[in-house]
Amino acid sequence: MPLNVEIDDDILKVVRERGVWGESFSDVLRRAFQAALWMDPPLELRPRPTPTASSRRRNRGKVSRTTLYRPLILRFLLAQGNYQARAKDVIEFMRPQVAPKLTPVDLEPLPSNKSVQRWVNKALWARQELVKEGLVESVGWGMWRLTNRGVAAAKAI
C-alpha cells in the first residue's frame, strides 16, 4: 500500500549513498529496520534481479546486422526514377537477396509484434541509420527517398 512519507534531506542523502544499485527505498528501509532490530521477527527481503540485458534480446551474432541491408536500400532507391520508393517495395526487393544469408533467428517474429520478422525490423533500423546519416529521408508515411548525399553514396557502392 503506497504511503506518502516526508524524509529529511540528510536522511535521503544517506539512503542514496548507501543503497545498492537497483534497490527501492522500501528495501533500504527494511535493511535499516532489520539492522536496528526494530522488526520482530525481521521481514524477509525480496530478492532483486541482478541488472542484466533483457532476457528477450538475442545474443549478438545470431541476428543479421544492419550492414547487410544498408547497401541494398541505397541501391534500390538509386534504381528508382525519382530515387524514392515505398518501404514495402524496398523490403520485398531485399527479401530474395537476403534470404540465403538469414539465420533461423532472423526469421522469427519479434516478441513485441508477431507479424514482423526480425530481419524486417533490422532492415527498418538500417533505414533509420541512413536517415541519421543524411542519406535517406522520409517523404510521407512509408515512403523513402535518397538525399543528394544518399545518391552519391549509392553510386559509390
N, C-alpha and C. Protein backbone atom coordinates (compact mmCIF):
# COMPACT_ATOMS: atom_id res chain seq x y z
N MET A 1 0.84 -1.17 0.00
CA MET A 1 0.00 0.00 0.00
C MET A 1 0.89 1.24 0.00
N PRO A 2 0.78 2.08 -1.03
CA PRO A 2 1.61 3.28 -1.09
C PRO A 2 1.28 4.24 0.05
N LEU A 3 2.31 4.87 0.56
CA LEU A 3 2.15 5.80 1.66
C LEU A 3 3.11 6.96 1.43
N ASN A 4 2.61 8.18 1.55
CA ASN A 4 3.48 9.35 1.40
C ASN A 4 4.17 9.61 2.72
N VAL A 5 5.49 9.69 2.69
CA VAL A 5 6.28 9.92 3.89
C VAL A 5 7.28 11.02 3.57
N GLU A 6 7.41 11.97 4.50
CA GLU A 6 8.42 13.01 4.34
C GLU A 6 9.74 12.48 4.87
N ILE A 7 10.80 12.71 4.11
CA ILE A 7 12.14 12.28 4.52
C ILE A 7 13.03 13.51 4.53
N ASP A 8 13.74 13.71 5.63
CA ASP A 8 14.66 14.84 5.73
C ASP A 8 15.77 14.68 4.68
N ASP A 9 16.29 15.82 4.23
CA ASP A 9 17.33 15.81 3.20
C ASP A 9 18.55 15.01 3.63
N ASP A 10 18.96 15.11 4.90
CA ASP A 10 20.16 14.39 5.34
C ASP A 10 19.92 12.88 5.32
N ILE A 11 18.71 12.44 5.66
CA ILE A 11 18.38 11.00 5.62
C ILE A 11 18.32 10.54 4.17
N LEU A 12 17.71 11.33 3.31
CA LEU A 12 17.62 10.98 1.89
C LEU A 12 19.01 10.84 1.28
N LYS A 13 19.93 11.71 1.68
CA LYS A 13 21.31 11.63 1.18
C LYS A 13 21.96 10.31 1.59
N VAL A 14 21.77 9.90 2.83
CA VAL A 14 22.35 8.64 3.31
C VAL A 14 21.74 7.46 2.55
N VAL A 15 20.43 7.47 2.35
CA VAL A 15 19.77 6.37 1.63
C VAL A 15 20.32 6.27 0.21
N ARG A 16 20.50 7.41 -0.45
CA ARG A 16 21.03 7.40 -1.82
C ARG A 16 22.48 6.93 -1.86
N GLU A 17 23.26 7.32 -0.86
CA GLU A 17 24.67 6.95 -0.84
C GLU A 17 24.88 5.48 -0.48
N ARG A 18 24.07 4.95 0.40
CA ARG A 18 24.29 3.60 0.91
C ARG A 18 23.41 2.54 0.28
N GLY A 19 22.45 2.97 -0.51
CA GLY A 19 21.58 2.00 -1.16
C GLY A 19 22.33 1.26 -2.26
N VAL A 20 22.01 0.01 -2.46
CA VAL A 20 22.60 -0.79 -3.53
C VAL A 20 21.89 -0.42 -4.82
N TRP A 21 22.63 -0.40 -5.92
CA TRP A 21 22.05 -0.03 -7.20
C TRP A 21 20.84 -0.89 -7.50
N GLY A 22 19.74 -0.28 -7.83
CA GLY A 22 18.53 -1.01 -8.15
C GLY A 22 17.62 -1.24 -6.96
N GLU A 23 18.08 -0.87 -5.77
CA GLU A 23 17.26 -1.06 -4.58
C GLU A 23 16.20 0.01 -4.49
N SER A 24 15.04 -0.35 -4.01
CA SER A 24 13.99 0.63 -3.77
C SER A 24 14.19 1.21 -2.37
N PHE A 25 13.49 2.30 -2.09
CA PHE A 25 13.55 2.88 -0.75
C PHE A 25 13.01 1.88 0.27
N SER A 26 12.00 1.10 -0.12
CA SER A 26 11.46 0.09 0.80
C SER A 26 12.53 -0.92 1.19
N ASP A 27 13.35 -1.36 0.21
CA ASP A 27 14.41 -2.32 0.51
C ASP A 27 15.43 -1.72 1.47
N VAL A 28 15.79 -0.46 1.26
CA VAL A 28 16.77 0.21 2.13
C VAL A 28 16.20 0.32 3.54
N LEU A 29 14.94 0.70 3.65
CA LEU A 29 14.32 0.82 4.97
C LEU A 29 14.20 -0.54 5.66
N ARG A 30 13.88 -1.60 4.90
CA ARG A 30 13.82 -2.94 5.50
C ARG A 30 15.17 -3.31 6.11
N ARG A 31 16.26 -3.06 5.34
CA ARG A 31 17.59 -3.36 5.85
C ARG A 31 17.89 -2.55 7.11
N ALA A 32 17.50 -1.27 7.10
CA ALA A 32 17.75 -0.42 8.26
C ALA A 32 16.97 -0.92 9.46
N PHE A 33 15.73 -1.29 9.27
CA PHE A 33 14.92 -1.80 10.39
C PHE A 33 15.49 -3.10 10.92
N GLN A 34 15.91 -3.97 10.03
CA GLN A 34 16.48 -5.25 10.48
C GLN A 34 17.76 -5.01 11.27
N ALA A 35 18.58 -4.10 10.76
CA ALA A 35 19.85 -3.82 11.44
C ALA A 35 19.60 -3.22 12.82
N ALA A 36 18.56 -2.43 12.95
CA ALA A 36 18.26 -1.79 14.23
C ALA A 36 17.40 -2.67 15.12
N LEU A 37 17.09 -3.86 14.63
CA LEU A 37 16.25 -4.80 15.38
C LEU A 37 14.89 -4.20 15.73
N TRP A 38 14.40 -3.33 14.86
CA TRP A 38 13.11 -2.73 15.09
C TRP A 38 11.98 -3.67 14.72
N MET A 39 12.28 -4.68 13.93
CA MET A 39 11.24 -5.59 13.50
C MET A 39 11.45 -6.93 14.17
N ASP A 40 10.39 -7.45 14.70
CA ASP A 40 10.50 -8.75 15.36
C ASP A 40 9.32 -9.59 14.92
N PRO A 41 9.49 -10.63 14.14
CA PRO A 41 10.75 -11.06 13.53
C PRO A 41 11.07 -10.18 12.32
N PRO A 42 12.34 -10.15 11.91
CA PRO A 42 12.71 -9.33 10.76
C PRO A 42 11.97 -9.79 9.50
N LEU A 43 11.59 -8.81 8.68
CA LEU A 43 10.95 -9.14 7.40
C LEU A 43 11.98 -9.72 6.45
N GLU A 44 11.51 -10.62 5.60
CA GLU A 44 12.42 -11.14 4.58
C GLU A 44 12.52 -10.13 3.45
N LEU A 45 13.73 -9.90 3.01
CA LEU A 45 13.92 -9.01 1.86
C LEU A 45 13.54 -9.75 0.59
N ARG A 46 12.84 -9.03 -0.26
CA ARG A 46 12.53 -9.62 -1.56
C ARG A 46 13.78 -9.52 -2.43
N PRO A 47 14.22 -10.63 -2.99
CA PRO A 47 15.42 -10.55 -3.83
C PRO A 47 15.15 -9.74 -5.08
N ARG A 48 16.08 -8.89 -5.44
CA ARG A 48 16.01 -8.10 -6.65
C ARG A 48 16.80 -8.81 -7.74
N PRO A 49 16.28 -8.83 -8.96
CA PRO A 49 17.06 -9.45 -10.02
C PRO A 49 18.32 -8.63 -10.31
N THR A 50 19.38 -9.32 -10.63
CA THR A 50 20.62 -8.64 -10.98
C THR A 50 20.41 -7.93 -12.31
N PRO A 51 20.82 -6.67 -12.42
CA PRO A 51 20.63 -5.96 -13.68
C PRO A 51 21.40 -6.66 -14.81
N THR A 52 20.69 -7.09 -15.81
CA THR A 52 21.29 -7.73 -16.98
C THR A 52 20.55 -7.25 -18.22
N ALA A 53 21.06 -7.61 -19.37
CA ALA A 53 20.36 -7.30 -20.61
C ALA A 53 19.03 -8.02 -20.60
N SER A 54 18.10 -7.47 -21.29
CA SER A 54 16.77 -8.07 -21.34
C SER A 54 16.85 -9.51 -21.79
N SER A 55 16.12 -10.36 -21.11
CA SER A 55 16.13 -11.78 -21.46
C SER A 55 15.50 -12.02 -22.83
N ARG A 56 14.75 -11.02 -23.31
CA ARG A 56 14.13 -11.18 -24.62
C ARG A 56 15.11 -10.90 -25.75
N ARG A 57 16.21 -10.26 -25.46
CA ARG A 57 17.17 -9.94 -26.52
C ARG A 57 17.95 -11.18 -26.92
N ARG A 58 18.27 -11.26 -28.17
CA ARG A 58 19.04 -12.38 -28.70
C ARG A 58 20.53 -12.07 -28.57
N ASN A 59 21.33 -13.13 -28.52
CA ASN A 59 22.77 -12.95 -28.47
C ASN A 59 23.25 -12.32 -29.77
N ARG A 60 24.21 -11.42 -29.63
CA ARG A 60 24.78 -10.81 -30.83
C ARG A 60 25.40 -11.91 -31.69
N GLY A 61 25.31 -11.74 -32.97
CA GLY A 61 25.88 -12.72 -33.88
C GLY A 61 24.85 -13.70 -34.40
N LYS A 62 23.73 -13.84 -33.70
CA LYS A 62 22.69 -14.75 -34.18
C LYS A 62 21.69 -14.04 -35.08
N VAL A 63 21.64 -12.72 -34.99
CA VAL A 63 20.75 -11.92 -35.82
C VAL A 63 21.62 -11.12 -36.78
N SER A 64 21.21 -11.04 -38.04
CA SER A 64 21.98 -10.30 -39.03
C SER A 64 22.11 -8.84 -38.64
N ARG A 65 23.23 -8.26 -38.97
CA ARG A 65 23.48 -6.85 -38.65
C ARG A 65 22.85 -5.94 -39.70
N THR A 66 22.65 -4.70 -39.32
CA THR A 66 22.04 -3.74 -40.23
C THR A 66 22.91 -3.48 -41.46
N THR A 67 24.20 -3.76 -41.36
CA THR A 67 25.10 -3.54 -42.50
C THR A 67 24.73 -4.42 -43.70
N LEU A 68 24.02 -5.51 -43.47
CA LEU A 68 23.57 -6.36 -44.57
C LEU A 68 22.55 -5.63 -45.45
N TYR A 69 21.73 -4.79 -44.85
CA TYR A 69 20.61 -4.17 -45.55
C TYR A 69 20.91 -2.79 -46.13
N ARG A 70 21.85 -2.09 -45.53
CA ARG A 70 22.12 -0.70 -45.95
C ARG A 70 22.43 -0.55 -47.44
N PRO A 71 23.38 -1.33 -48.01
CA PRO A 71 23.67 -1.14 -49.43
C PRO A 71 22.48 -1.52 -50.33
N LEU A 72 21.70 -2.49 -49.89
CA LEU A 72 20.53 -2.89 -50.68
C LEU A 72 19.49 -1.78 -50.73
N ILE A 73 19.28 -1.12 -49.61
CA ILE A 73 18.34 0.00 -49.57
C ILE A 73 18.81 1.11 -50.50
N LEU A 74 20.09 1.46 -50.39
CA LEU A 74 20.64 2.54 -51.23
C LEU A 74 20.55 2.19 -52.71
N ARG A 75 20.94 0.96 -53.07
CA ARG A 75 20.90 0.56 -54.49
C ARG A 75 19.48 0.56 -55.05
N PHE A 76 18.53 0.06 -54.27
CA PHE A 76 17.15 0.00 -54.76
C PHE A 76 16.60 1.40 -54.98
N LEU A 77 16.83 2.29 -54.02
CA LEU A 77 16.33 3.66 -54.19
C LEU A 77 17.00 4.37 -55.35
N LEU A 78 18.28 4.10 -55.55
CA LEU A 78 19.00 4.70 -56.68
C LEU A 78 18.42 4.26 -58.01
N ALA A 79 17.95 3.02 -58.07
CA ALA A 79 17.41 2.47 -59.33
C ALA A 79 16.02 3.03 -59.67
N GLN A 80 15.37 3.66 -58.70
CA GLN A 80 14.05 4.24 -58.95
C GLN A 80 14.22 5.58 -59.65
N GLY A 81 13.34 5.89 -60.56
CA GLY A 81 13.45 7.11 -61.35
C GLY A 81 13.59 8.38 -60.53
N ASN A 82 12.86 8.52 -59.47
CA ASN A 82 12.92 9.72 -58.65
C ASN A 82 13.63 9.47 -57.32
N TYR A 83 14.38 8.38 -57.26
CA TYR A 83 15.15 7.98 -56.06
C TYR A 83 14.27 7.77 -54.83
N GLN A 84 13.00 7.42 -55.04
CA GLN A 84 12.14 7.16 -53.90
C GLN A 84 11.29 5.93 -54.15
N ALA A 85 10.86 5.30 -53.05
CA ALA A 85 10.03 4.10 -53.16
C ALA A 85 9.29 3.88 -51.84
N ARG A 86 8.26 3.05 -51.90
CA ARG A 86 7.54 2.68 -50.69
C ARG A 86 8.41 1.71 -49.89
N ALA A 87 8.36 1.82 -48.58
CA ALA A 87 9.13 0.93 -47.71
C ALA A 87 8.80 -0.53 -48.02
N LYS A 88 7.54 -0.80 -48.23
CA LYS A 88 7.09 -2.16 -48.54
C LYS A 88 7.79 -2.71 -49.78
N ASP A 89 7.96 -1.87 -50.80
CA ASP A 89 8.62 -2.30 -52.04
C ASP A 89 10.11 -2.55 -51.80
N VAL A 90 10.73 -1.73 -50.98
CA VAL A 90 12.16 -1.92 -50.66
C VAL A 90 12.36 -3.25 -49.94
N ILE A 91 11.50 -3.54 -48.99
CA ILE A 91 11.60 -4.80 -48.23
C ILE A 91 11.39 -5.99 -49.16
N GLU A 92 10.41 -5.91 -50.05
CA GLU A 92 10.15 -7.02 -50.98
C GLU A 92 11.30 -7.20 -51.95
N PHE A 93 11.96 -6.12 -52.35
CA PHE A 93 13.13 -6.21 -53.22
C PHE A 93 14.27 -6.94 -52.50
N MET A 94 14.43 -6.64 -51.21
CA MET A 94 15.54 -7.23 -50.45
C MET A 94 15.30 -8.69 -50.10
N ARG A 95 14.04 -9.09 -49.95
CA ARG A 95 13.71 -10.43 -49.45
C ARG A 95 14.48 -11.55 -50.17
N PRO A 96 14.43 -11.68 -51.50
CA PRO A 96 15.16 -12.79 -52.13
C PRO A 96 16.68 -12.64 -52.06
N GLN A 97 17.16 -11.41 -51.97
CA GLN A 97 18.60 -11.20 -51.92
C GLN A 97 19.20 -11.54 -50.56
N VAL A 98 18.45 -11.30 -49.50
CA VAL A 98 18.98 -11.59 -48.17
C VAL A 98 18.62 -12.99 -47.68
N ALA A 99 17.63 -13.63 -48.31
CA ALA A 99 17.14 -14.94 -47.85
C ALA A 99 18.25 -15.95 -47.60
N PRO A 100 19.22 -16.11 -48.51
CA PRO A 100 20.27 -17.10 -48.25
C PRO A 100 21.19 -16.75 -47.07
N LYS A 101 21.22 -15.48 -46.69
CA LYS A 101 22.12 -15.03 -45.62
C LYS A 101 21.43 -14.97 -44.26
N LEU A 102 20.12 -15.17 -44.22
CA LEU A 102 19.39 -15.04 -42.97
C LEU A 102 19.56 -16.28 -42.10
N THR A 103 19.63 -16.03 -40.80
CA THR A 103 19.73 -17.12 -39.83
C THR A 103 18.32 -17.53 -39.40
N PRO A 104 18.18 -18.68 -38.76
CA PRO A 104 16.85 -19.05 -38.26
C PRO A 104 16.28 -18.01 -37.29
N VAL A 105 17.14 -17.36 -36.52
CA VAL A 105 16.67 -16.33 -35.59
C VAL A 105 16.13 -15.13 -36.36
N ASP A 106 16.74 -14.78 -37.50
CA ASP A 106 16.26 -13.68 -38.33
C ASP A 106 14.82 -13.89 -38.79
N LEU A 107 14.46 -15.14 -38.97
CA LEU A 107 13.12 -15.47 -39.50
C LEU A 107 12.05 -15.53 -38.42
N GLU A 108 12.46 -15.47 -37.15
CA GLU A 108 11.49 -15.49 -36.05
C GLU A 108 10.73 -14.18 -36.00
N PRO A 109 9.51 -14.22 -35.46
CA PRO A 109 8.78 -12.96 -35.27
C PRO A 109 9.32 -12.22 -34.05
N LEU A 110 9.12 -10.92 -34.04
CA LEU A 110 9.50 -10.12 -32.87
C LEU A 110 8.59 -10.46 -31.70
N PRO A 111 9.12 -10.48 -30.49
CA PRO A 111 8.26 -10.72 -29.33
C PRO A 111 7.18 -9.64 -29.17
N SER A 112 7.53 -8.41 -29.56
CA SER A 112 6.61 -7.29 -29.40
C SER A 112 5.59 -7.17 -30.52
N ASN A 113 5.86 -7.81 -31.67
CA ASN A 113 4.95 -7.72 -32.82
C ASN A 113 5.11 -9.00 -33.64
N LYS A 114 4.26 -9.96 -33.40
CA LYS A 114 4.39 -11.28 -34.02
C LYS A 114 4.24 -11.26 -35.55
N SER A 115 3.75 -10.16 -36.11
CA SER A 115 3.57 -10.10 -37.56
C SER A 115 4.81 -9.59 -38.29
N VAL A 116 5.87 -9.22 -37.53
CA VAL A 116 7.09 -8.70 -38.15
C VAL A 116 8.26 -9.62 -37.84
N GLN A 117 8.92 -10.09 -38.90
CA GLN A 117 10.11 -10.92 -38.70
C GLN A 117 11.28 -10.04 -38.28
N ARG A 118 12.22 -10.66 -37.56
CA ARG A 118 13.37 -9.92 -37.04
C ARG A 118 14.17 -9.25 -38.17
N TRP A 119 14.35 -9.92 -39.29
CA TRP A 119 15.17 -9.35 -40.35
C TRP A 119 14.51 -8.09 -40.91
N VAL A 120 13.18 -8.07 -40.98
CA VAL A 120 12.49 -6.87 -41.48
C VAL A 120 12.71 -5.72 -40.49
N ASN A 121 12.63 -6.01 -39.21
CA ASN A 121 12.88 -5.00 -38.20
C ASN A 121 14.30 -4.46 -38.32
N LYS A 122 15.27 -5.34 -38.54
CA LYS A 122 16.67 -4.90 -38.71
C LYS A 122 16.81 -4.03 -39.95
N ALA A 123 16.11 -4.39 -41.02
CA ALA A 123 16.15 -3.59 -42.25
C ALA A 123 15.58 -2.18 -41.99
N LEU A 124 14.52 -2.11 -41.20
CA LEU A 124 13.94 -0.82 -40.86
C LEU A 124 14.90 0.00 -40.00
N TRP A 125 15.64 -0.66 -39.11
CA TRP A 125 16.66 0.04 -38.32
C TRP A 125 17.81 0.50 -39.22
N ALA A 126 18.15 -0.29 -40.23
CA ALA A 126 19.20 0.12 -41.18
C ALA A 126 18.78 1.40 -41.89
N ARG A 127 17.52 1.46 -42.28
CA ARG A 127 17.00 2.68 -42.92
C ARG A 127 17.08 3.85 -41.96
N GLN A 128 16.79 3.62 -40.67
CA GLN A 128 16.86 4.69 -39.68
C GLN A 128 18.29 5.21 -39.55
N GLU A 129 19.26 4.31 -39.59
CA GLU A 129 20.67 4.73 -39.55
C GLU A 129 20.99 5.61 -40.76
N LEU A 130 20.48 5.23 -41.93
CA LEU A 130 20.71 6.01 -43.14
C LEU A 130 20.08 7.39 -43.03
N VAL A 131 18.93 7.48 -42.38
CA VAL A 131 18.28 8.77 -42.15
C VAL A 131 19.15 9.64 -41.26
N LYS A 132 19.67 9.06 -40.17
CA LYS A 132 20.52 9.81 -39.25
C LYS A 132 21.78 10.32 -39.93
N GLU A 133 22.27 9.56 -40.89
CA GLU A 133 23.48 9.95 -41.62
C GLU A 133 23.18 10.93 -42.75
N GLY A 134 21.91 11.23 -42.96
CA GLY A 134 21.53 12.17 -44.00
C GLY A 134 21.53 11.59 -45.40
N LEU A 135 21.45 10.27 -45.53
CA LEU A 135 21.47 9.63 -46.84
C LEU A 135 20.07 9.31 -47.36
N VAL A 136 19.14 9.14 -46.46
CA VAL A 136 17.75 8.81 -46.82
C VAL A 136 16.85 9.73 -46.01
N GLU A 137 15.69 10.06 -46.61
CA GLU A 137 14.70 10.87 -45.89
C GLU A 137 13.31 10.29 -46.12
N SER A 138 12.40 10.63 -45.24
CA SER A 138 11.01 10.22 -45.39
C SER A 138 10.29 11.31 -46.16
N VAL A 139 9.45 10.88 -47.09
CA VAL A 139 8.66 11.85 -47.87
C VAL A 139 7.18 11.48 -47.76
N GLY A 140 6.77 11.17 -46.58
CA GLY A 140 5.40 10.73 -46.34
C GLY A 140 5.45 9.39 -45.65
N TRP A 141 4.32 8.97 -45.14
CA TRP A 141 4.27 7.73 -44.38
C TRP A 141 4.62 6.56 -45.28
N GLY A 142 5.68 5.84 -44.92
CA GLY A 142 6.08 4.65 -45.65
C GLY A 142 6.79 4.92 -46.97
N MET A 143 7.21 6.15 -47.20
CA MET A 143 7.94 6.49 -48.43
C MET A 143 9.35 6.92 -48.08
N TRP A 144 10.33 6.32 -48.75
CA TRP A 144 11.74 6.63 -48.52
C TRP A 144 12.32 7.26 -49.78
N ARG A 145 13.21 8.22 -49.60
CA ARG A 145 13.87 8.86 -50.74
C ARG A 145 15.32 9.13 -50.41
N LEU A 146 16.17 8.96 -51.42
CA LEU A 146 17.59 9.30 -51.26
C LEU A 146 17.76 10.81 -51.24
N THR A 147 18.63 11.28 -50.38
CA THR A 147 19.02 12.69 -50.41
C THR A 147 20.15 12.81 -51.44
N ASN A 148 20.62 14.02 -51.67
CA ASN A 148 21.74 14.20 -52.61
C ASN A 148 22.98 13.43 -52.13
N ARG A 149 23.22 13.49 -50.82
CA ARG A 149 24.34 12.71 -50.26
C ARG A 149 24.10 11.22 -50.44
N GLY A 150 22.84 10.80 -50.32
CA GLY A 150 22.49 9.40 -50.48
C GLY A 150 22.72 8.92 -51.91
N VAL A 151 22.40 9.79 -52.87
CA VAL A 151 22.63 9.44 -54.29
C VAL A 151 24.12 9.23 -54.52
N ALA A 152 24.94 10.12 -54.00
CA ALA A 152 26.41 10.00 -54.16
C ALA A 152 26.90 8.72 -53.48
N ALA A 153 26.41 8.44 -52.29
CA ALA A 153 26.84 7.23 -51.57
C ALA A 153 26.40 5.96 -52.31
N ALA A 154 25.19 5.98 -52.84
CA ALA A 154 24.68 4.80 -53.56
C ALA A 154 25.48 4.56 -54.84
N LYS A 155 25.86 5.62 -55.52
CA LYS A 155 26.65 5.48 -56.75
C LYS A 155 28.06 4.97 -56.43
N ALA A 156 28.55 5.24 -55.24
CA ALA A 156 29.90 4.82 -54.86
C ALA A 156 29.96 3.35 -54.46
N ILE A 157 28.81 2.72 -54.26
CA ILE A 157 28.81 1.30 -53.83
C ILE A 157 29.14 0.42 -55.01
